[in-house]
């Protein structure tokens, strides 16, 4: 039995228009990416990427998208992402661009990147609104003082604060984790 290898793209949809969140749906993003690949690489690119291309995860609130495609043709998809300039829904257009955050061969590493990004955004929001507890900030500072080095996990480097945030993720973001576990 032959195993098909996949590549997972973790992308962020960047748009200055706040109404763009209503355009972020799986079908619309899927069609925009397929049309960009067909426009840039022609019929060959469209045929290669349409075989196993799918949207695995989409969060309209955080504007994070996880794509999956075959390993042999992932460069075609990757080279087409910068050419997506808008999302279309019938006659309405929303200007946007795609920022690639992570490309990897394992879904679990993409999940870790999503969780790290989510917890960092949450931490920044809490700091802005001054709702982070003193205990959390003290724990992070103590661990960072204790260990000034980074540890290598799965080919990527994570700081101590990111390790602490990953440990606390299941407590503070249980809804997010449950939603992502449905994919696995």
Protein backbone atom coordinates (compact mmCIF):
# COMPACT_ATOMS: atom_id res chain seq x y z
CA UNK A 1 0.00 0.00 0.00
CA UNK A 2 1.37 3.38 -0.99
CA UNK A 3 1.26 6.20 1.52
CA UNK A 4 0.45 9.64 0.19
CA UNK A 5 2.45 12.39 1.81
CA UNK A 6 0.84 15.75 2.39
CA UNK A 7 1.96 19.27 3.18
CA UNK A 8 0.02 21.53 5.49
CA UNK A 9 -0.05 25.29 5.01
CA UNK A 10 -0.97 27.50 7.93
CA UNK A 11 -1.95 30.90 6.57
CA UNK A 12 -3.33 34.11 7.95
CA UNK A 13 -5.80 36.18 5.95
CA UNK A 14 -4.83 39.84 6.17
CA UNK A 15 -7.47 42.46 5.44
CA UNK A 16 -7.96 46.02 6.57
CA UNK A 17 -11.70 45.84 6.00
CA UNK A 18 -13.51 44.61 9.15
CA UNK A 19 -16.41 43.35 6.99
CA UNK A 20 -14.07 40.77 5.47
CA UNK A 21 -14.88 38.27 8.22
CA UNK A 22 -18.22 37.54 6.62
CA UNK A 23 -16.43 36.45 3.41
CA UNK A 24 -14.21 33.95 5.18
CA UNK A 25 -15.90 30.63 4.52
CA UNK A 26 -14.39 27.32 3.48
CA UNK A 27 -16.01 27.32 0.05
CA UNK A 28 -14.96 30.89 -0.76
CA UNK A 29 -11.34 30.43 0.38
CA UNK A 30 -11.10 27.05 -1.38
CA UNK A 31 -12.33 28.54 -4.68
CA UNK A 32 -10.03 31.57 -4.37
CA UNK A 33 -6.95 29.38 -3.92
CA UNK A 34 -7.92 26.99 -6.73
CA UNK A 35 -8.57 29.92 -9.09
CA UNK A 36 -5.20 31.48 -8.21
CA UNK A 37 -3.37 28.21 -8.92
CA UNK A 38 -5.20 27.84 -12.24
CA UNK A 39 -4.46 31.46 -13.17
CA UNK A 40 -0.74 31.23 -12.35
CA UNK A 41 0.13 27.65 -13.39
CA UNK A 42 -2.57 26.91 -15.94
CA UNK A 43 -4.36 23.62 -16.45
CA UNK A 44 -1.44 21.58 -15.16
CA UNK A 45 -1.40 23.40 -11.82
CA UNK A 46 -5.17 23.26 -11.49
CA UNK A 47 -5.21 19.50 -12.14
CA UNK A 48 -2.35 18.77 -9.74
CA UNK A 49 -3.72 20.81 -6.86
CA UNK A 50 -7.37 19.86 -7.27
CA UNK A 51 -6.65 16.17 -6.65
CA UNK A 52 -6.02 16.32 -2.90
CA UNK A 53 -6.36 19.99 -2.00
CA UNK A 54 -8.62 20.75 0.96
CA UNK A 55 -9.23 23.29 3.69
CA UNK A 56 -8.70 21.43 6.97
CA UNK A 57 -9.35 24.26 9.42
CA UNK A 58 -10.76 27.75 9.13
CA UNK A 59 -11.40 30.29 11.86
CA UNK A 60 -13.04 33.48 10.63
CA UNK A 61 -12.53 35.26 13.94
CA UNK A 62 -8.74 34.82 14.07
CA UNK A 63 -8.51 34.65 10.24
CA UNK A 64 -6.41 31.49 10.29
CA UNK A 65 -6.65 28.88 7.52
CA UNK A 66 -5.04 25.44 7.32
CA UNK A 67 -4.67 23.96 3.81
CA UNK A 68 -3.67 20.43 2.90
CA UNK A 69 -2.22 19.33 -0.46
CA UNK A 70 0.02 16.60 -1.88
CA UNK A 71 3.75 16.85 -1.21
CA UNK A 72 4.67 16.60 -4.88
CA UNK A 73 2.78 19.74 -5.83
CA UNK A 74 2.90 21.92 -2.72
CA UNK A 75 5.26 24.42 -4.37
CA UNK A 76 2.61 25.19 -6.99
CA UNK A 77 0.16 26.09 -4.25
CA UNK A 78 2.76 27.98 -2.24
CA UNK A 79 3.82 30.11 -5.20
CA UNK A 80 0.20 31.02 -5.96
CA UNK A 81 -0.77 32.31 -2.50
CA UNK A 82 0.77 35.80 -2.93
CA UNK A 83 -1.38 36.37 -6.01
CA UNK A 84 -4.67 36.11 -4.12
CA UNK A 85 -5.78 39.71 -3.73
CA UNK A 86 -9.47 39.35 -2.94
CA UNK A 87 -12.19 36.98 -1.82
CA UNK A 88 -15.34 36.91 -3.93
CA UNK A 89 -18.85 35.97 -2.91
CA UNK A 90 -21.29 36.36 -5.78
CA UNK A 91 -20.97 40.03 -6.73
CA UNK A 92 -19.20 41.26 -3.58
CA UNK A 93 -15.43 41.55 -3.27
CA UNK A 94 -13.24 41.79 -0.20
CA UNK A 95 -9.59 42.86 -0.69
CA UNK A 96 -7.20 40.64 1.26
CA UNK A 97 -3.87 38.84 1.13
CA UNK A 98 -2.52 35.56 2.50
CA UNK A 99 0.45 35.44 4.87
CA UNK A 100 2.03 31.98 5.17
CA UNK A 101 2.84 31.26 8.82
CA UNK A 102 3.96 27.62 8.63
CA UNK A 103 4.54 24.89 6.05
CA UNK A 104 5.04 21.36 7.34
CA UNK A 105 4.46 17.70 6.82
CA UNK A 106 2.63 16.95 10.06
CA UNK A 107 -0.76 18.13 11.16
CA UNK A 108 0.35 18.07 14.79
CA UNK A 109 3.05 20.69 14.17
CA UNK A 110 0.53 22.91 12.42
CA UNK A 111 -1.71 22.50 15.47
CA UNK A 112 1.12 23.62 17.76
CA UNK A 113 1.70 26.70 15.60
CA UNK A 114 -2.01 27.55 15.73
CA UNK A 115 -2.07 27.21 19.50
CA UNK A 116 1.07 29.30 19.97
CA UNK A 117 -0.30 32.04 17.74
CA UNK A 118 -3.65 31.95 19.49
CA UNK A 119 -2.16 32.16 22.98
CA UNK A 120 0.20 34.98 21.98
CA UNK A 121 -2.71 36.98 20.57
CA UNK A 122 -4.70 36.33 23.72
CA UNK A 123 -1.77 37.40 25.89
CA UNK A 124 -1.33 40.62 23.91
CA UNK A 125 -5.03 41.36 24.22
CA UNK A 126 -4.94 40.76 27.96
CA UNK A 127 -1.94 43.05 28.35
CA UNK A 128 -3.68 45.75 26.33
CA UNK A 129 -6.75 45.51 28.51
CA UNK A 130 -4.67 44.82 31.65
CA UNK A 131 -6.58 41.65 32.47
CA UNK A 132 -3.62 39.31 32.77
CA UNK A 133 -3.33 38.04 36.31
CA UNK A 134 -0.28 38.80 38.40
CA UNK A 135 0.24 35.09 38.97
CA UNK A 136 0.46 34.37 35.22
CA UNK A 137 2.89 37.21 34.55
CA UNK A 138 5.06 36.22 37.55
CA UNK A 139 5.17 32.58 36.45
CA UNK A 140 6.22 33.53 32.92
CA UNK A 141 8.91 35.90 34.18
CA UNK A 142 10.28 33.32 36.64
CA UNK A 143 10.51 30.62 33.99
CA UNK A 144 12.17 33.01 31.53
CA UNK A 145 14.72 34.07 34.15
CA UNK A 146 15.39 30.47 35.11
CA UNK A 147 15.89 29.28 31.52
CA UNK A 148 17.34 31.82 29.10
CA UNK A 149 17.77 29.24 26.39
CA UNK A 150 15.41 27.86 23.80
CA UNK A 151 14.49 24.22 23.45
CA UNK A 152 14.14 22.42 20.16
CA UNK A 153 10.84 20.59 19.70
CA UNK A 154 9.90 18.94 16.43
CA UNK A 155 12.36 20.94 14.34
CA UNK A 156 11.18 24.35 15.60
CA UNK A 157 12.47 26.49 18.44
CA UNK A 158 10.12 27.46 21.26
CA UNK A 159 10.97 29.80 24.11
CA UNK A 160 10.12 29.00 27.69
CA UNK A 161 7.19 31.42 27.67
CA UNK A 162 5.74 29.61 24.66
CA UNK A 163 6.11 26.27 26.50
CA UNK A 164 4.27 27.72 29.48
CA UNK A 165 1.54 29.12 27.24
CA UNK A 166 1.14 25.75 25.51
CA UNK A 167 0.71 24.04 28.88
CA UNK A 168 -1.98 26.54 29.90
CA UNK A 169 -3.77 26.39 26.55
CA UNK A 170 -6.05 23.50 27.41
CA UNK A 171 -7.33 25.35 30.46
CA UNK A 172 -8.01 28.75 28.94
CA UNK A 173 -8.93 27.73 25.39
CA UNK A 174 -10.77 24.46 25.82
CA UNK A 175 -13.38 25.40 23.21
CA UNK A 176 -10.66 26.13 20.65
CA UNK A 177 -8.88 22.85 21.37
CA UNK A 178 -12.11 20.85 21.14
CA UNK A 179 -12.89 22.47 17.80
CA UNK A 180 -9.44 21.61 16.44
CA UNK A 181 -9.52 18.02 17.76
CA UNK A 182 -12.47 17.32 15.47
CA UNK A 183 -10.05 17.59 12.53
CA UNK A 184 -7.66 15.01 13.95
